[in-house]
């Protein structure tokens, strides 16, 4: 995430924002999540795995 300072987005919103999140979810049959939420979930999973390994 260090490179965020160097590169600026050409458009402030992603393509999903223009099309509409719910429309894209319906057409693709997928759940769209914010990147921050996904990162937090991955960190929580990594911590849970680390705790499981310590207990084993």
Protein backbone atom coordinates (compact mmCIF):
# COMPACT_ATOMS: atom_id res chain seq x y z
CA UNK A 1 0.00 0.00 0.00
CA UNK A 2 3.05 2.25 -0.06
CA UNK A 3 2.55 2.95 -3.75
CA UNK A 4 -0.78 4.71 -3.16
CA UNK A 5 1.13 7.92 -2.58
CA UNK A 6 2.81 7.73 -5.97
CA UNK A 7 -0.08 6.68 -8.16
CA UNK A 8 -3.34 8.56 -8.49
CA UNK A 9 -6.49 6.96 -9.79
CA UNK A 10 -7.67 8.18 -13.15
CA UNK A 11 -11.25 8.01 -11.91
CA UNK A 12 -12.22 8.40 -8.25
CA UNK A 13 -14.67 5.47 -8.35
CA UNK A 14 -14.35 1.91 -9.53
CA UNK A 15 -16.38 0.55 -12.44
CA UNK A 16 -18.77 -1.09 -9.99
CA UNK A 17 -19.73 2.31 -8.61
CA UNK A 18 -20.85 3.48 -12.05
CA UNK A 19 -22.83 0.33 -12.80
CA UNK A 20 -24.25 -0.07 -9.33
CA UNK A 21 -23.16 -2.60 -6.72
CA UNK A 22 -26.46 -4.48 -6.54
CA UNK A 23 -26.77 -4.69 -10.32
CA UNK A 24 -23.27 -6.13 -10.64
CA UNK A 25 -23.88 -8.57 -7.78
CA UNK A 26 -27.03 -9.86 -9.48
CA UNK A 27 -25.45 -10.16 -12.93
CA UNK A 28 -22.28 -11.89 -11.70
CA UNK A 29 -23.91 -13.85 -8.92
CA UNK A 30 -21.23 -12.72 -6.48
CA UNK A 31 -20.95 -10.70 -3.30
CA UNK A 32 -18.99 -7.48 -3.60
CA UNK A 33 -17.17 -6.36 -0.47
CA UNK A 34 -15.10 -3.30 0.30
CA UNK A 35 -11.36 -3.92 0.20
CA UNK A 36 -10.91 -2.73 3.78
CA UNK A 37 -13.41 -5.31 5.03
CA UNK A 38 -11.69 -8.08 3.07
CA UNK A 39 -8.30 -7.11 4.51
CA UNK A 40 -9.71 -7.18 8.05
CA UNK A 41 -11.24 -10.62 7.46
CA UNK A 42 -7.94 -11.98 6.15
CA UNK A 43 -6.08 -10.61 9.17
CA UNK A 44 -8.63 -12.17 11.53
CA UNK A 45 -8.29 -15.54 9.77
CA UNK A 46 -4.49 -15.37 9.99
CA UNK A 47 -4.68 -14.62 13.71
CA UNK A 48 -7.10 -17.51 14.25
CA UNK A 49 -4.78 -19.90 12.41
CA UNK A 50 -1.81 -18.69 14.45
CA UNK A 51 -3.73 -19.35 17.68
CA UNK A 52 -4.68 -22.85 16.48
CA UNK A 53 -1.05 -23.64 15.72
CA UNK A 54 0.03 -22.45 19.18
CA UNK A 55 -2.55 -24.68 20.84
CA UNK A 56 -1.51 -27.76 18.83
